């Protein structure tokens, strides 16, 4: 059974930092592209950041320079370090695991991030 379990969400003030984690089980973690997506109320889900099995990263323009994605294949965990947070970063953040070329694509349940004073 595949599970992606996010943690670390919460309420933070503008300009603050927050770190998200996603622990995966039931998959061969090292072969998956891991990604963080987010969905704000009334908006479509969008890619925030992704990291390949080899460590190559990709970021949405809106978070470049503020967020950092990383992975620990030994711990089957992907991280998202978020800094200089803005109110527009408020959303539910979802972890995604995708094995490119196979159609295997899994989602976590999401964690709420709220940036507000």
N, C-alpha and C. Protein backbone atom coordinates (compact mmCIF):
# COMPACT_ATOMS: atom_id res chain seq x y z
N UNK A 1 0.84 -1.19 0.00
CA UNK A 1 0.00 0.00 0.00
C UNK A 1 0.89 1.25 0.00
N UNK A 2 0.63 2.12 -0.97
CA UNK A 2 1.42 3.33 -1.09
C UNK A 2 0.88 4.40 -0.17
N UNK A 3 1.79 5.03 0.56
CA UNK A 3 1.40 6.15 1.41
C UNK A 3 2.40 7.27 1.27
N UNK A 4 1.88 8.48 1.13
CA UNK A 4 2.68 9.70 1.19
C UNK A 4 2.09 10.53 2.30
N UNK A 5 2.87 10.78 3.33
CA UNK A 5 2.35 11.46 4.51
C UNK A 5 3.11 12.77 4.70
N UNK A 6 2.38 13.87 4.50
CA UNK A 6 2.98 15.20 4.67
C UNK A 6 2.90 15.64 6.12
N UNK A 7 3.85 16.46 6.52
CA UNK A 7 3.82 17.06 7.83
C UNK A 7 4.54 18.41 7.77
N UNK A 8 4.29 19.23 8.78
CA UNK A 8 5.01 20.50 8.90
C UNK A 8 4.22 21.73 8.54
N UNK A 9 3.00 21.57 8.08
CA UNK A 9 2.20 22.75 7.76
C UNK A 9 1.79 23.51 9.01
N UNK A 10 1.22 24.70 8.79
CA UNK A 10 0.77 25.48 9.92
C UNK A 10 0.58 26.93 9.57
N UNK A 11 0.49 27.75 10.60
CA UNK A 11 0.30 29.18 10.44
C UNK A 11 1.63 29.89 10.67
N UNK A 12 1.97 30.79 9.76
CA UNK A 12 3.22 31.53 9.88
C UNK A 12 2.98 32.96 9.43
N UNK A 13 3.74 33.88 10.01
CA UNK A 13 3.60 35.28 9.63
C UNK A 13 4.32 35.56 8.33
N UNK A 14 3.88 36.57 7.60
CA UNK A 14 4.59 36.96 6.38
C UNK A 14 6.07 37.22 6.67
N UNK A 15 6.90 36.72 5.77
CA UNK A 15 8.34 36.82 5.95
C UNK A 15 8.94 35.67 6.71
N UNK A 16 8.12 34.83 7.27
CA UNK A 16 8.60 33.71 8.06
C UNK A 16 8.97 32.51 7.22
N UNK A 17 9.35 31.45 7.93
CA UNK A 17 9.79 30.21 7.29
C UNK A 17 9.01 29.02 7.81
N UNK A 18 8.97 27.99 6.98
CA UNK A 18 8.28 26.76 7.35
C UNK A 18 8.92 25.63 6.57
N UNK A 19 8.98 24.47 7.18
CA UNK A 19 9.55 23.31 6.50
C UNK A 19 8.53 22.20 6.44
N UNK A 20 8.32 21.67 5.27
CA UNK A 20 7.41 20.54 5.06
C UNK A 20 8.22 19.28 4.82
N UNK A 21 7.65 18.17 5.25
CA UNK A 21 8.25 16.86 4.99
C UNK A 21 7.19 15.94 4.41
N UNK A 22 7.63 15.00 3.62
CA UNK A 22 6.73 13.99 3.07
C UNK A 22 7.45 12.65 3.15
N UNK A 23 6.90 11.77 3.96
CA UNK A 23 7.47 10.43 4.12
C UNK A 23 6.70 9.46 3.24
N UNK A 24 7.42 8.73 2.42
CA UNK A 24 6.81 7.79 1.49
C UNK A 24 7.04 6.36 1.95
N UNK A 25 6.04 5.53 1.69
CA UNK A 25 6.17 4.10 1.95
C UNK A 25 5.42 3.34 0.86
N UNK A 26 5.85 2.12 0.62
CA UNK A 26 5.18 1.30 -0.38
C UNK A 26 5.64 1.51 -1.80
N UNK A 27 6.66 2.34 -1.99
CA UNK A 27 7.21 2.57 -3.32
C UNK A 27 8.73 2.46 -3.27
N UNK A 28 9.31 2.24 -4.45
CA UNK A 28 10.77 2.29 -4.55
C UNK A 28 11.13 3.76 -4.70
N UNK A 29 11.28 4.41 -3.60
CA UNK A 29 11.34 5.87 -3.53
C UNK A 29 12.40 6.45 -4.49
N UNK A 30 13.54 5.81 -4.57
CA UNK A 30 14.66 6.41 -5.28
C UNK A 30 14.41 6.59 -6.77
N UNK A 31 13.45 5.87 -7.34
CA UNK A 31 13.24 5.99 -8.79
C UNK A 31 12.18 7.03 -9.14
N UNK A 32 11.52 7.53 -8.13
CA UNK A 32 10.42 8.46 -8.37
C UNK A 32 10.89 9.92 -8.42
N UNK A 33 10.27 10.67 -9.32
CA UNK A 33 10.36 12.12 -9.24
C UNK A 33 9.41 12.56 -8.14
N UNK A 34 9.92 13.31 -7.19
CA UNK A 34 9.10 13.78 -6.07
C UNK A 34 8.79 15.26 -6.26
N UNK A 35 7.56 15.60 -5.99
CA UNK A 35 7.17 16.99 -6.19
C UNK A 35 6.27 17.50 -5.08
N UNK A 36 6.28 18.81 -4.95
CA UNK A 36 5.33 19.50 -4.08
C UNK A 36 4.43 20.36 -4.96
N UNK A 37 3.15 20.22 -4.75
CA UNK A 37 2.14 21.01 -5.44
C UNK A 37 1.34 21.77 -4.38
N UNK A 38 0.63 22.79 -4.82
CA UNK A 38 -0.23 23.49 -3.89
C UNK A 38 -1.53 23.90 -4.58
N UNK A 39 -2.55 24.05 -3.78
CA UNK A 39 -3.84 24.47 -4.29
C UNK A 39 -4.46 25.47 -3.32
N UNK A 40 -4.64 26.67 -3.80
CA UNK A 40 -5.29 27.71 -3.02
C UNK A 40 -6.79 27.69 -3.31
N UNK A 41 -7.59 28.22 -2.42
CA UNK A 41 -9.05 28.22 -2.63
C UNK A 41 -9.41 28.88 -3.95
N UNK A 42 -10.21 28.19 -4.74
CA UNK A 42 -10.68 28.74 -6.01
C UNK A 42 -9.66 28.69 -7.12
N UNK A 43 -8.52 28.07 -6.88
CA UNK A 43 -7.48 28.00 -7.90
C UNK A 43 -7.14 26.56 -8.22
N UNK A 44 -6.50 26.38 -9.37
CA UNK A 44 -6.07 25.04 -9.76
C UNK A 44 -4.81 24.64 -9.00
N UNK A 45 -4.64 23.35 -8.87
CA UNK A 45 -3.42 22.84 -8.25
C UNK A 45 -2.24 23.17 -9.17
N UNK A 46 -1.15 23.64 -8.56
CA UNK A 46 0.01 24.01 -9.35
C UNK A 46 1.28 23.41 -8.77
N UNK A 47 2.23 23.17 -9.66
CA UNK A 47 3.53 22.66 -9.24
C UNK A 47 4.30 23.75 -8.51
N UNK A 48 4.84 23.41 -7.35
CA UNK A 48 5.70 24.32 -6.60
C UNK A 48 7.17 23.99 -6.87
N UNK A 49 7.51 22.72 -6.72
CA UNK A 49 8.90 22.30 -6.90
C UNK A 49 8.93 20.80 -7.13
N UNK A 50 9.94 20.35 -7.84
CA UNK A 50 10.12 18.92 -8.07
C UNK A 50 11.59 18.59 -8.05
N UNK A 51 11.88 17.33 -7.73
CA UNK A 51 13.27 16.87 -7.68
C UNK A 51 13.33 15.47 -8.25
N UNK A 52 14.27 15.25 -9.16
CA UNK A 52 14.41 13.94 -9.78
C UNK A 52 15.18 12.99 -8.88
N UNK A 53 15.23 11.74 -9.31
CA UNK A 53 15.98 10.76 -8.53
C UNK A 53 17.45 11.13 -8.45
N UNK A 54 17.93 11.85 -9.44
CA UNK A 54 19.33 12.26 -9.46
C UNK A 54 19.59 13.59 -8.79
N UNK A 55 18.53 14.22 -8.30
CA UNK A 55 18.71 15.46 -7.56
C UNK A 55 18.51 16.74 -8.35
N UNK A 56 18.13 16.62 -9.62
CA UNK A 56 17.84 17.84 -10.38
C UNK A 56 16.53 18.44 -9.90
N UNK A 57 16.51 19.75 -9.77
CA UNK A 57 15.34 20.43 -9.22
C UNK A 57 14.70 21.37 -10.23
N UNK A 58 13.44 21.64 -10.00
CA UNK A 58 12.66 22.55 -10.83
C UNK A 58 11.70 23.29 -9.92
N UNK A 59 11.58 24.61 -10.13
CA UNK A 59 10.75 25.43 -9.27
C UNK A 59 9.79 26.28 -10.08
N UNK A 60 8.64 26.55 -9.50
CA UNK A 60 7.75 27.56 -10.06
C UNK A 60 8.43 28.92 -9.94
N UNK A 61 8.20 29.77 -10.90
CA UNK A 61 8.84 31.09 -10.88
C UNK A 61 8.49 31.84 -9.60
N UNK A 62 7.29 31.63 -9.10
CA UNK A 62 6.81 32.38 -7.94
C UNK A 62 7.55 32.04 -6.65
N UNK A 63 8.26 30.92 -6.64
CA UNK A 63 8.94 30.51 -5.40
C UNK A 63 10.45 30.44 -5.56
N UNK A 64 10.97 30.68 -6.75
CA UNK A 64 12.42 30.61 -6.96
C UNK A 64 13.14 31.58 -6.03
N UNK A 65 14.18 31.07 -5.41
CA UNK A 65 14.95 31.89 -4.49
C UNK A 65 14.40 31.92 -3.08
N UNK A 66 13.18 31.41 -2.89
CA UNK A 66 12.57 31.41 -1.55
C UNK A 66 12.37 30.00 -1.01
N UNK A 67 12.10 29.05 -1.90
CA UNK A 67 11.84 27.67 -1.49
C UNK A 67 12.98 26.77 -1.96
N UNK A 68 13.18 25.69 -1.24
CA UNK A 68 14.19 24.71 -1.62
C UNK A 68 13.65 23.31 -1.38
N UNK A 69 13.71 22.49 -2.42
CA UNK A 69 13.28 21.10 -2.31
C UNK A 69 14.51 20.21 -2.20
N UNK A 70 14.40 19.17 -1.39
CA UNK A 70 15.49 18.21 -1.24
C UNK A 70 14.89 16.85 -0.94
N UNK A 71 15.72 15.83 -1.06
CA UNK A 71 15.24 14.48 -0.78
C UNK A 71 16.34 13.69 -0.09
N UNK A 72 15.89 12.73 0.71
CA UNK A 72 16.79 11.79 1.38
C UNK A 72 16.30 10.40 1.00
N UNK A 73 16.97 9.79 0.04
CA UNK A 73 16.54 8.48 -0.44
C UNK A 73 16.67 7.40 0.63
N UNK A 74 17.58 7.57 1.55
CA UNK A 74 17.74 6.59 2.63
C UNK A 74 16.55 6.62 3.59
N UNK A 75 15.91 7.79 3.69
CA UNK A 75 14.78 7.94 4.60
C UNK A 75 13.44 7.97 3.87
N UNK A 76 13.49 7.81 2.54
CA UNK A 76 12.25 7.85 1.74
C UNK A 76 11.45 9.13 2.02
N UNK A 77 12.15 10.22 2.10
CA UNK A 77 11.52 11.48 2.48
C UNK A 77 11.95 12.61 1.56
N UNK A 78 10.97 13.45 1.23
CA UNK A 78 11.24 14.66 0.47
C UNK A 78 10.85 15.86 1.34
N UNK A 79 11.61 16.93 1.19
CA UNK A 79 11.42 18.10 2.03
C UNK A 79 11.16 19.33 1.16
N UNK A 80 10.48 20.29 1.77
CA UNK A 80 10.33 21.60 1.13
C UNK A 80 10.58 22.66 2.20
N UNK A 81 11.69 23.34 2.04
CA UNK A 81 12.03 24.44 2.95
C UNK A 81 11.49 25.72 2.32
N UNK A 82 10.63 26.40 3.05
CA UNK A 82 9.99 27.61 2.53
C UNK A 82 10.43 28.81 3.34
N UNK A 83 10.87 29.83 2.67
CA UNK A 83 11.30 31.05 3.34
C UNK A 83 10.67 32.27 2.70
N UNK A 84 10.82 33.41 3.40
CA UNK A 84 10.24 34.69 2.92
C UNK A 84 8.80 34.50 2.47
N UNK A 85 8.05 33.83 3.31
CA UNK A 85 6.68 33.46 2.93
C UNK A 85 5.80 34.68 2.78
N UNK A 86 4.89 34.57 1.82
CA UNK A 86 3.95 35.64 1.50
C UNK A 86 2.53 35.13 1.68
N UNK A 87 1.58 36.03 1.89
CA UNK A 87 0.19 35.58 2.02
C UNK A 87 -0.28 34.77 0.81
N UNK A 88 0.25 35.08 -0.37
CA UNK A 88 -0.17 34.34 -1.56
C UNK A 88 0.39 32.92 -1.60
N UNK A 89 1.26 32.56 -0.66
CA UNK A 89 1.72 31.18 -0.54
C UNK A 89 0.72 30.32 0.23
N UNK A 90 -0.31 30.94 0.78
CA UNK A 90 -1.32 30.20 1.52
C UNK A 90 -2.03 29.22 0.60
N UNK A 91 -2.03 27.95 1.00
CA UNK A 91 -2.62 26.90 0.18
C UNK A 91 -2.52 25.58 0.93
N UNK A 92 -3.17 24.58 0.37
CA UNK A 92 -2.90 23.21 0.80
C UNK A 92 -1.75 22.69 -0.05
N UNK A 93 -0.74 22.18 0.60
CA UNK A 93 0.44 21.68 -0.09
C UNK A 93 0.38 20.15 -0.14
N UNK A 94 0.57 19.62 -1.35
CA UNK A 94 0.47 18.19 -1.58
C UNK A 94 1.82 17.63 -2.03
N UNK A 95 2.13 16.47 -1.52
CA UNK A 95 3.30 15.73 -1.97
C UNK A 95 2.89 14.80 -3.11
N UNK A 96 3.75 14.68 -4.10
CA UNK A 96 3.48 13.83 -5.25
C UNK A 96 4.68 12.96 -5.56
N UNK A 97 4.41 11.71 -5.93
CA UNK A 97 5.45 10.80 -6.39
C UNK A 97 5.07 10.31 -7.77
N UNK A 98 5.98 10.47 -8.71
CA UNK A 98 5.69 10.11 -10.10
C UNK A 98 6.85 9.30 -10.66
N UNK A 99 6.53 8.11 -11.18
CA UNK A 99 7.55 7.31 -11.86
C UNK A 99 7.36 7.56 -13.34
N UNK A 100 8.19 8.38 -13.90
CA UNK A 100 8.05 8.85 -15.27
C UNK A 100 8.08 7.69 -16.26
N UNK A 101 7.09 7.70 -17.17
CA UNK A 101 7.03 6.68 -18.20
C UNK A 101 6.24 5.44 -17.83
N UNK A 102 5.78 5.36 -16.58
CA UNK A 102 5.05 4.17 -16.15
C UNK A 102 3.58 4.45 -15.86
N UNK A 103 3.23 5.71 -15.68
CA UNK A 103 1.87 6.04 -15.27
C UNK A 103 1.64 5.96 -13.79
N UNK A 104 2.64 5.55 -13.04
CA UNK A 104 2.48 5.48 -11.58
C UNK A 104 2.62 6.89 -11.00
N UNK A 105 1.61 7.29 -10.28
CA UNK A 105 1.50 8.69 -9.83
C UNK A 105 0.69 8.68 -8.54
N UNK A 106 1.30 9.12 -7.45
CA UNK A 106 0.64 9.04 -6.15
C UNK A 106 0.63 10.41 -5.47
N UNK A 107 -0.40 10.61 -4.63
CA UNK A 107 -0.56 11.88 -3.93
C UNK A 107 -0.71 11.67 -2.43
N UNK A 108 -0.21 12.64 -1.67
CA UNK A 108 -0.48 12.67 -0.26
C UNK A 108 -1.81 13.33 0.01
N UNK A 109 -2.16 13.41 1.28
CA UNK A 109 -3.46 13.95 1.66
C UNK A 109 -3.44 15.47 1.77
N UNK A 110 -2.26 16.06 1.79
CA UNK A 110 -2.15 17.52 1.83
C UNK A 110 -1.95 18.04 3.23
N UNK A 111 -1.28 19.18 3.31
CA UNK A 111 -1.08 19.87 4.58
C UNK A 111 -1.31 21.36 4.36
N UNK A 112 -2.01 21.98 5.27
CA UNK A 112 -2.38 23.38 5.12
C UNK A 112 -1.23 24.28 5.55
N UNK A 113 -0.93 25.25 4.69
CA UNK A 113 0.02 26.31 5.01
C UNK A 113 -0.73 27.64 4.92
N UNK A 114 -0.72 28.37 6.01
CA UNK A 114 -1.39 29.67 6.04
C UNK A 114 -0.39 30.74 6.43
N UNK A 115 -0.28 31.75 5.57
CA UNK A 115 0.64 32.86 5.82
C UNK A 115 -0.21 34.10 6.10
N UNK A 116 -0.18 34.52 7.35
CA UNK A 116 -1.05 35.62 7.76
C UNK A 116 -0.51 36.26 9.02
N UNK A 117 -0.73 37.55 9.12
CA UNK A 117 -0.35 38.25 10.34
C UNK A 117 -1.51 38.29 11.33
